[in-house]
Amino acid sequence: MPARNRIDTASRVIRASPGAIYHAFVDAASLARWLAPQGMQARVERFEPVVGGSYRIVLTYDDPVGAPGKATADSDVVEGRFVALGPGERIVWEVGFVSDDPAFAGTMTMSWRLKEVRDGTEVTILCENVPAGIRKEDHDVGLRSTLENLARFIETA
């Protein structure tokens, strides 16, 4: 299995201001609409967007056949806390995965950097300490899907 200190990253330019994108992260209703990768739905159960504040998000598969959840038969549960918030600049979360399987359990740090560029905002995700059970190929697809969802949510709002 890959080392526990694995880092995955993804980036995309979104046609919106850094402030508008930042708001989509710190508003629970907005986050629930775009966060889940394709094939999943998000439900925000707890959300305190302040440094040290916690959150709990349940990601449920539309069709769990072939992609069973890690917390239940059809869902993944992530719990964590906000490590850093820089309005219009960055969001840093600790993401704790709830699973009985140690390959999927553990805490990953997820940093979202927002950088104003000519055509909008470059959004870069940096995931550190990715659990070994999450295949890199699957994670790359999920990160790109999440960025596509964010772009669709923001650019059509």
N, C-alpha and C. Protein backbone atom coordinates (compact mmCIF):
# COMPACT_ATOMS: atom_id res chain seq x y z
N MET A 1 0.84 -1.18 0.00
CA MET A 1 0.00 0.00 0.00
C MET A 1 0.88 1.24 0.00
N PRO A 2 0.37 2.37 -0.60
CA PRO A 2 1.15 3.60 -0.61
C PRO A 2 1.40 4.12 0.80
N ALA A 3 2.44 4.92 0.94
CA ALA A 3 2.77 5.50 2.25
C ALA A 3 1.66 6.42 2.73
N ARG A 4 1.54 6.53 4.05
CA ARG A 4 0.50 7.35 4.67
C ARG A 4 0.73 8.85 4.45
N ASN A 5 1.91 9.26 4.04
CA ASN A 5 2.19 10.68 3.85
C ASN A 5 1.94 11.12 2.40
N ARG A 6 1.10 10.40 1.70
CA ARG A 6 0.79 10.72 0.30
C ARG A 6 0.12 12.08 0.19
N ILE A 7 0.45 12.79 -0.87
CA ILE A 7 -0.15 14.09 -1.17
C ILE A 7 -0.80 14.01 -2.53
N ASP A 8 -2.08 14.42 -2.61
CA ASP A 8 -2.80 14.51 -3.88
C ASP A 8 -3.20 15.97 -4.08
N THR A 9 -3.25 16.41 -5.33
CA THR A 9 -3.61 17.79 -5.60
C THR A 9 -4.40 17.90 -6.90
N ALA A 10 -5.17 18.96 -7.00
CA ALA A 10 -5.93 19.26 -8.21
C ALA A 10 -6.14 20.77 -8.25
N SER A 11 -6.33 21.29 -9.46
CA SER A 11 -6.49 22.73 -9.61
C SER A 11 -7.39 23.04 -10.80
N ARG A 12 -8.07 24.18 -10.72
CA ARG A 12 -8.95 24.61 -11.81
C ARG A 12 -9.22 26.10 -11.67
N VAL A 13 -9.34 26.78 -12.81
CA VAL A 13 -9.75 28.19 -12.81
C VAL A 13 -11.27 28.23 -12.91
N ILE A 14 -11.87 29.01 -12.01
CA ILE A 14 -13.32 29.16 -11.97
C ILE A 14 -13.64 30.63 -12.21
N ARG A 15 -14.61 30.88 -13.07
CA ARG A 15 -14.99 32.25 -13.43
C ARG A 15 -15.84 32.89 -12.33
N ALA A 16 -15.17 33.28 -11.27
CA ALA A 16 -15.83 33.95 -10.14
C ALA A 16 -14.75 34.58 -9.28
N SER A 17 -15.17 35.48 -8.41
CA SER A 17 -14.22 36.13 -7.52
C SER A 17 -13.81 35.19 -6.38
N PRO A 18 -12.62 35.42 -5.81
CA PRO A 18 -12.24 34.61 -4.65
C PRO A 18 -13.26 34.72 -3.51
N GLY A 19 -13.86 35.88 -3.33
CA GLY A 19 -14.86 36.06 -2.28
C GLY A 19 -16.10 35.21 -2.48
N ALA A 20 -16.57 35.12 -3.73
CA ALA A 20 -17.76 34.31 -4.02
C ALA A 20 -17.46 32.83 -3.78
N ILE A 21 -16.27 32.41 -4.16
CA ILE A 21 -15.89 31.00 -3.96
C ILE A 21 -15.73 30.71 -2.47
N TYR A 22 -15.10 31.61 -1.76
CA TYR A 22 -14.93 31.43 -0.31
C TYR A 22 -16.30 31.27 0.36
N HIS A 23 -17.26 32.10 -0.02
CA HIS A 23 -18.61 32.02 0.55
C HIS A 23 -19.23 30.65 0.31
N ALA A 24 -18.97 30.05 -0.87
CA ALA A 24 -19.52 28.72 -1.17
C ALA A 24 -18.96 27.65 -0.24
N PHE A 25 -17.81 27.92 0.37
CA PHE A 25 -17.20 26.99 1.33
C PHE A 25 -17.73 27.16 2.74
N VAL A 26 -18.06 28.36 3.13
CA VAL A 26 -18.41 28.61 4.52
C VAL A 26 -19.92 28.69 4.76
N ASP A 27 -20.70 28.48 3.72
CA ASP A 27 -22.15 28.41 3.83
C ASP A 27 -22.56 26.95 3.69
N ALA A 28 -23.10 26.36 4.74
CA ALA A 28 -23.40 24.91 4.76
C ALA A 28 -24.34 24.49 3.63
N ALA A 29 -25.37 25.27 3.37
CA ALA A 29 -26.32 24.91 2.31
C ALA A 29 -25.64 24.90 0.95
N SER A 30 -24.79 25.88 0.69
CA SER A 30 -24.05 25.92 -0.57
C SER A 30 -23.10 24.73 -0.67
N LEU A 31 -22.35 24.49 0.38
CA LEU A 31 -21.37 23.40 0.39
C LEU A 31 -22.03 22.06 0.08
N ALA A 32 -23.19 21.81 0.67
CA ALA A 32 -23.90 20.55 0.46
C ALA A 32 -24.31 20.38 -1.00
N ARG A 33 -24.51 21.48 -1.70
CA ARG A 33 -24.95 21.40 -3.10
C ARG A 33 -23.83 21.06 -4.07
N TRP A 34 -22.58 21.40 -3.74
CA TRP A 34 -21.51 21.18 -4.73
C TRP A 34 -20.39 20.26 -4.28
N LEU A 35 -20.22 19.99 -3.00
CA LEU A 35 -19.04 19.28 -2.51
C LEU A 35 -18.92 17.83 -2.98
N ALA A 36 -20.00 17.09 -2.97
CA ALA A 36 -19.93 15.65 -3.26
C ALA A 36 -19.49 15.39 -4.70
N PRO A 37 -18.55 14.46 -4.87
CA PRO A 37 -18.15 14.09 -6.23
C PRO A 37 -19.32 13.47 -6.99
N GLN A 38 -19.17 13.37 -8.29
CA GLN A 38 -20.19 12.77 -9.14
C GLN A 38 -20.56 11.39 -8.61
N GLY A 39 -21.85 11.10 -8.56
CA GLY A 39 -22.33 9.80 -8.09
C GLY A 39 -22.61 9.77 -6.60
N MET A 40 -22.49 10.92 -5.95
CA MET A 40 -22.74 10.99 -4.50
C MET A 40 -23.56 12.24 -4.18
N GLN A 41 -24.18 12.21 -3.00
CA GLN A 41 -24.92 13.35 -2.46
C GLN A 41 -24.33 13.68 -1.10
N ALA A 42 -24.30 14.96 -0.74
CA ALA A 42 -23.77 15.37 0.56
C ALA A 42 -24.89 15.84 1.47
N ARG A 43 -24.75 15.48 2.74
CA ARG A 43 -25.66 15.99 3.78
C ARG A 43 -24.78 16.54 4.90
N VAL A 44 -24.94 17.82 5.19
CA VAL A 44 -24.15 18.45 6.24
C VAL A 44 -24.93 18.33 7.54
N GLU A 45 -24.36 17.62 8.51
CA GLU A 45 -25.04 17.41 9.79
C GLU A 45 -24.57 18.39 10.87
N ARG A 46 -23.33 18.84 10.77
CA ARG A 46 -22.80 19.83 11.72
C ARG A 46 -21.82 20.69 10.94
N PHE A 47 -21.83 22.01 11.21
CA PHE A 47 -20.98 22.90 10.42
C PHE A 47 -20.75 24.19 11.19
N GLU A 48 -19.53 24.37 11.66
CA GLU A 48 -19.15 25.56 12.43
C GLU A 48 -17.91 26.17 11.76
N PRO A 49 -18.11 27.03 10.73
CA PRO A 49 -16.98 27.54 9.96
C PRO A 49 -16.20 28.67 10.65
N VAL A 50 -15.55 28.31 11.74
CA VAL A 50 -14.64 29.20 12.46
C VAL A 50 -13.40 28.37 12.79
N VAL A 51 -12.25 29.02 12.93
CA VAL A 51 -11.05 28.27 13.25
C VAL A 51 -11.28 27.49 14.54
N GLY A 52 -11.05 26.18 14.49
CA GLY A 52 -11.32 25.29 15.61
C GLY A 52 -12.71 24.70 15.58
N GLY A 53 -13.61 25.25 14.75
CA GLY A 53 -14.97 24.73 14.64
C GLY A 53 -14.99 23.38 13.95
N SER A 54 -16.02 22.61 14.21
CA SER A 54 -16.09 21.26 13.66
C SER A 54 -17.17 21.14 12.59
N TYR A 55 -17.11 20.02 11.89
CA TYR A 55 -18.13 19.70 10.90
C TYR A 55 -18.30 18.18 10.82
N ARG A 56 -19.45 17.78 10.31
CA ARG A 56 -19.73 16.37 10.02
C ARG A 56 -20.54 16.35 8.74
N ILE A 57 -20.03 15.63 7.76
CA ILE A 57 -20.68 15.54 6.45
C ILE A 57 -20.83 14.07 6.10
N VAL A 58 -22.02 13.70 5.65
CA VAL A 58 -22.28 12.33 5.20
C VAL A 58 -22.39 12.38 3.67
N LEU A 59 -21.57 11.58 3.01
CA LEU A 59 -21.58 11.46 1.56
C LEU A 59 -22.19 10.11 1.22
N THR A 60 -23.32 10.13 0.52
CA THR A 60 -24.05 8.91 0.20
C THR A 60 -23.96 8.63 -1.29
N TYR A 61 -23.62 7.38 -1.63
CA TYR A 61 -23.53 6.98 -3.02
C TYR A 61 -24.93 6.87 -3.63
N ASP A 62 -25.08 7.37 -4.87
CA ASP A 62 -26.34 7.19 -5.59
C ASP A 62 -26.58 5.71 -5.86
N ASP A 63 -25.51 4.98 -6.17
CA ASP A 63 -25.57 3.54 -6.43
C ASP A 63 -24.35 2.91 -5.78
N PRO A 64 -24.50 2.31 -4.60
CA PRO A 64 -23.34 1.78 -3.89
C PRO A 64 -22.76 0.49 -4.47
N VAL A 65 -23.41 -0.11 -5.47
CA VAL A 65 -22.90 -1.34 -6.06
C VAL A 65 -21.56 -1.03 -6.73
N GLY A 66 -20.52 -1.76 -6.32
CA GLY A 66 -19.20 -1.55 -6.89
C GLY A 66 -18.41 -0.45 -6.22
N ALA A 67 -19.05 0.35 -5.37
CA ALA A 67 -18.36 1.43 -4.65
C ALA A 67 -18.95 1.54 -3.26
N PRO A 68 -18.82 0.47 -2.47
CA PRO A 68 -19.45 0.50 -1.14
C PRO A 68 -18.86 1.58 -0.25
N GLY A 69 -19.70 2.10 0.62
CA GLY A 69 -19.25 3.10 1.55
C GLY A 69 -18.28 2.51 2.57
N LYS A 70 -17.59 3.39 3.22
CA LYS A 70 -16.61 2.97 4.22
C LYS A 70 -17.16 3.06 5.64
N ALA A 71 -18.21 3.88 5.83
CA ALA A 71 -18.81 4.02 7.15
C ALA A 71 -20.06 3.15 7.27
N THR A 72 -20.87 3.11 6.21
CA THR A 72 -22.04 2.24 6.13
C THR A 72 -22.02 1.61 4.74
N ALA A 73 -23.02 0.81 4.44
CA ALA A 73 -23.05 0.12 3.15
C ALA A 73 -23.10 1.09 1.97
N ASP A 74 -23.67 2.28 2.17
CA ASP A 74 -23.81 3.21 1.04
C ASP A 74 -23.28 4.62 1.31
N SER A 75 -22.50 4.80 2.38
CA SER A 75 -22.05 6.16 2.67
C SER A 75 -20.65 6.22 3.28
N ASP A 76 -20.08 7.40 3.13
CA ASP A 76 -18.83 7.75 3.79
C ASP A 76 -19.16 8.90 4.74
N VAL A 77 -18.57 8.88 5.90
CA VAL A 77 -18.77 9.94 6.87
C VAL A 77 -17.43 10.62 7.12
N VAL A 78 -17.43 11.93 7.03
CA VAL A 78 -16.22 12.69 7.32
C VAL A 78 -16.53 13.67 8.45
N GLU A 79 -15.64 13.68 9.41
CA GLU A 79 -15.75 14.62 10.52
C GLU A 79 -14.43 15.34 10.61
N GLY A 80 -14.49 16.58 10.96
CA GLY A 80 -13.23 17.31 11.06
C GLY A 80 -13.40 18.66 11.70
N ARG A 81 -12.35 19.46 11.49
CA ARG A 81 -12.39 20.79 12.06
C ARG A 81 -11.71 21.76 11.11
N PHE A 82 -12.06 23.01 11.28
CA PHE A 82 -11.46 24.07 10.49
C PHE A 82 -10.14 24.47 11.14
N VAL A 83 -9.05 24.37 10.39
CA VAL A 83 -7.71 24.67 10.90
C VAL A 83 -7.35 26.12 10.61
N ALA A 84 -7.68 26.61 9.42
CA ALA A 84 -7.36 27.98 9.03
C ALA A 84 -8.42 28.49 8.06
N LEU A 85 -8.76 29.75 8.21
CA LEU A 85 -9.70 30.41 7.31
C LEU A 85 -9.12 31.78 6.95
N GLY A 86 -8.92 32.00 5.67
CA GLY A 86 -8.46 33.29 5.17
C GLY A 86 -9.46 33.75 4.14
N PRO A 87 -10.44 34.59 4.52
CA PRO A 87 -11.49 34.99 3.58
C PRO A 87 -10.93 35.41 2.22
N GLY A 88 -11.44 34.76 1.18
CA GLY A 88 -11.02 35.04 -0.18
C GLY A 88 -9.65 34.50 -0.54
N GLU A 89 -9.01 33.76 0.39
CA GLU A 89 -7.65 33.28 0.13
C GLU A 89 -7.48 31.77 0.34
N ARG A 90 -7.96 31.26 1.47
CA ARG A 90 -7.73 29.83 1.73
C ARG A 90 -8.67 29.30 2.80
N ILE A 91 -8.82 27.99 2.74
CA ILE A 91 -9.58 27.23 3.73
C ILE A 91 -8.75 25.97 4.01
N VAL A 92 -8.52 25.67 5.27
CA VAL A 92 -7.79 24.45 5.62
C VAL A 92 -8.64 23.66 6.59
N TRP A 93 -8.90 22.40 6.22
CA TRP A 93 -9.69 21.49 7.04
C TRP A 93 -8.84 20.31 7.45
N GLU A 94 -9.11 19.79 8.61
CA GLU A 94 -8.69 18.44 8.95
C GLU A 94 -9.89 17.57 8.65
N VAL A 95 -9.67 16.51 7.91
CA VAL A 95 -10.74 15.62 7.49
C VAL A 95 -10.51 14.26 8.14
N GLY A 96 -11.39 13.89 9.06
CA GLY A 96 -11.29 12.59 9.71
C GLY A 96 -12.27 11.63 9.06
N PHE A 97 -11.77 10.50 8.57
CA PHE A 97 -12.62 9.51 7.92
C PHE A 97 -13.07 8.48 8.94
N VAL A 98 -14.36 8.23 8.99
CA VAL A 98 -14.93 7.27 9.91
C VAL A 98 -14.99 5.92 9.20
N SER A 99 -14.21 4.94 9.68
CA SER A 99 -14.20 3.62 9.07
C SER A 99 -13.60 2.62 10.05
N ASP A 100 -14.12 1.39 10.02
CA ASP A 100 -13.53 0.31 10.82
C ASP A 100 -12.26 -0.23 10.16
N ASP A 101 -12.08 0.08 8.89
CA ASP A 101 -10.91 -0.40 8.14
C ASP A 101 -9.78 0.64 8.28
N PRO A 102 -8.67 0.27 8.91
CA PRO A 102 -7.58 1.22 9.13
C PRO A 102 -7.00 1.80 7.83
N ALA A 103 -7.18 1.11 6.71
CA ALA A 103 -6.68 1.63 5.44
C ALA A 103 -7.46 2.88 4.99
N PHE A 104 -8.68 3.03 5.50
CA PHE A 104 -9.51 4.17 5.13
C PHE A 104 -9.67 5.18 6.26
N ALA A 105 -9.36 4.79 7.47
CA ALA A 105 -9.53 5.67 8.63
C ALA A 105 -8.33 6.61 8.74
N GLY A 106 -8.49 7.62 9.54
CA GLY A 106 -7.39 8.54 9.78
C GLY A 106 -7.75 9.97 9.43
N THR A 107 -6.78 10.85 9.61
CA THR A 107 -7.01 12.27 9.39
C THR A 107 -6.14 12.78 8.25
N MET A 108 -6.80 13.42 7.30
CA MET A 108 -6.14 14.03 6.16
C MET A 108 -6.29 15.55 6.30
N THR A 109 -5.28 16.29 5.92
CA THR A 109 -5.38 17.75 5.90
C THR A 109 -5.68 18.16 4.47
N MET A 110 -6.73 18.98 4.31
CA MET A 110 -7.16 19.41 2.99
C MET A 110 -7.11 20.93 2.94
N SER A 111 -6.23 21.46 2.09
CA SER A 111 -6.07 22.91 1.95
C SER A 111 -6.60 23.34 0.60
N TRP A 112 -7.41 24.38 0.61
CA TRP A 112 -7.98 24.95 -0.61
C TRP A 112 -7.40 26.36 -0.74
N ARG A 113 -6.64 26.61 -1.80
CA ARG A 113 -6.06 27.93 -2.02
C ARG A 113 -6.82 28.63 -3.13
N LEU A 114 -7.17 29.89 -2.90
CA LEU A 114 -7.89 30.70 -3.87
C LEU A 114 -6.96 31.83 -4.33
N LYS A 115 -6.67 31.86 -5.61
CA LYS A 115 -5.76 32.87 -6.14
C LYS A 115 -6.43 33.57 -7.31
N GLU A 116 -6.60 34.88 -7.18
CA GLU A 116 -7.22 35.64 -8.26
C GLU A 116 -6.30 35.63 -9.48
N VAL A 117 -6.88 35.29 -10.62
CA VAL A 117 -6.16 35.28 -11.89
C VAL A 117 -7.00 36.04 -12.91
N ARG A 118 -6.45 36.22 -14.08
CA ARG A 118 -7.10 37.03 -15.11
C ARG A 118 -8.55 36.62 -15.40
N ASP A 119 -8.81 35.32 -15.49
CA ASP A 119 -10.14 34.83 -15.87
C ASP A 119 -11.02 34.44 -14.70
N GLY A 120 -10.61 34.75 -13.48
CA GLY A 120 -11.41 34.39 -12.32
C GLY A 120 -10.54 34.06 -11.13
N THR A 121 -10.72 32.85 -10.62
CA THR A 121 -9.96 32.40 -9.45
C THR A 121 -9.42 31.01 -9.71
N GLU A 122 -8.12 30.83 -9.48
CA GLU A 122 -7.55 29.51 -9.54
C GLU A 122 -7.77 28.87 -8.17
N VAL A 123 -8.47 27.74 -8.17
CA VAL A 123 -8.74 27.01 -6.93
C VAL A 123 -7.85 25.77 -6.95
N THR A 124 -6.99 25.66 -5.94
CA THR A 124 -6.08 24.53 -5.83
C THR A 124 -6.38 23.77 -4.54
N ILE A 125 -6.55 22.46 -4.67
CA ILE A 125 -6.77 21.58 -3.51
C ILE A 125 -5.48 20.82 -3.26
N LEU A 126 -5.03 20.82 -2.02
CA LEU A 126 -3.86 20.04 -1.62
C LEU A 126 -4.29 19.13 -0.49
N CYS A 127 -4.22 17.82 -0.70
CA CYS A 127 -4.61 16.84 0.31
C CYS A 127 -3.34 16.15 0.83
N GLU A 128 -3.09 16.27 2.12
CA GLU A 128 -1.91 15.68 2.74
C GLU A 128 -2.32 14.54 3.66
N ASN A 129 -1.51 13.50 3.71
CA ASN A 129 -1.77 12.31 4.53
C ASN A 129 -3.04 11.59 4.09
N VAL A 130 -3.16 11.38 2.79
CA VAL A 130 -4.32 10.69 2.23
C VAL A 130 -4.29 9.23 2.72
N PRO A 131 -5.41 8.73 3.26
CA PRO A 131 -5.44 7.33 3.70
C PRO A 131 -5.05 6.38 2.57
N ALA A 132 -4.25 5.39 2.91
CA ALA A 132 -3.71 4.45 1.92
C ALA A 132 -4.79 3.69 1.16
N GLY A 133 -5.95 3.48 1.78
CA GLY A 133 -7.01 2.73 1.12
C GLY A 133 -7.70 3.50 0.00
N ILE A 134 -7.52 4.80 -0.04
CA ILE A 134 -8.12 5.61 -1.11
C ILE A 134 -7.17 5.55 -2.30
N ARG A 135 -7.59 4.89 -3.35
CA ARG A 135 -6.73 4.77 -4.52
C ARG A 135 -6.48 6.15 -5.13
N LYS A 136 -5.23 6.43 -5.49
CA LYS A 136 -4.87 7.72 -6.07
C LYS A 136 -5.73 8.04 -7.29
N GLU A 137 -5.93 7.07 -8.16
CA GLU A 137 -6.72 7.29 -9.37
C GLU A 137 -8.14 7.72 -9.02
N ASP A 138 -8.74 7.05 -8.02
CA ASP A 138 -10.10 7.40 -7.60
C ASP A 138 -10.13 8.78 -6.97
N HIS A 139 -9.13 9.08 -6.16
CA HIS A 139 -9.08 10.38 -5.49
C HIS A 139 -8.92 11.51 -6.50
N ASP A 140 -8.06 11.30 -7.50
CA ASP A 140 -7.87 12.31 -8.55
C ASP A 140 -9.18 12.59 -9.27
N VAL A 141 -9.91 11.54 -9.60
CA VAL A 141 -11.22 11.71 -10.27
C VAL A 141 -12.17 12.46 -9.34
N GLY A 142 -12.21 12.10 -8.07
CA GLY A 142 -13.09 12.76 -7.11
C GLY A 142 -12.76 14.23 -6.93
N LEU A 143 -11.47 14.57 -6.84
CA LEU A 143 -11.06 15.96 -6.67
C LEU A 143 -11.45 16.79 -7.90
N ARG A 144 -11.20 16.24 -9.09
CA ARG A 144 -11.58 16.97 -10.31
C ARG A 144 -13.10 17.14 -10.40
N SER A 145 -13.83 16.10 -10.01
CA SER A 145 -15.29 16.17 -10.02
C SER A 145 -15.79 17.25 -9.06
N THR A 146 -15.19 17.33 -7.88
CA THR A 146 -15.59 18.35 -6.91
C THR A 146 -15.33 19.75 -7.46
N LEU A 147 -14.17 19.95 -8.10
CA LEU A 147 -13.88 21.26 -8.70
C LEU A 147 -14.86 21.58 -9.83
N GLU A 148 -15.23 20.58 -10.62
CA GLU A 148 -16.23 20.79 -11.68
C GLU A 148 -17.57 21.18 -11.06
N ASN A 149 -17.95 20.51 -9.98
CA ASN A 149 -19.21 20.84 -9.29
C ASN A 149 -19.17 22.27 -8.77
N LEU A 150 -18.05 22.66 -8.16
CA LEU A 150 -17.92 24.02 -7.64
C LEU A 150 -18.03 25.03 -8.77
N ALA A 151 -17.36 24.78 -9.88
CA ALA A 151 -17.44 25.70 -11.03
C ALA A 151 -18.87 25.81 -11.53
N ARG A 152 -19.54 24.68 -11.68
CA ARG A 152 -20.93 24.70 -12.16
C ARG A 152 -21.83 25.45 -11.19
N PHE A 153 -21.64 25.23 -9.90
CA PHE A 153 -22.45 25.89 -8.87
C PHE A 153 -22.23 27.40 -8.90
N ILE A 154 -20.99 27.83 -8.94
CA ILE A 154 -20.65 29.26 -8.86
C ILE A 154 -20.95 29.98 -10.17
N GLU A 155 -20.58 29.37 -11.29
CA GLU A 155 -20.68 30.06 -12.58
C GLU A 155 -22.11 30.17 -13.06
N THR A 156 -23.02 29.35 -12.53
CA THR A 156 -24.42 29.44 -12.98
C THR A 156 -25.31 30.10 -11.92
N ALA A 157 -24.71 30.50 -10.81
CA ALA A 157 -25.51 31.12 -9.72
C ALA A 157 -25.95 32.52 -10.10
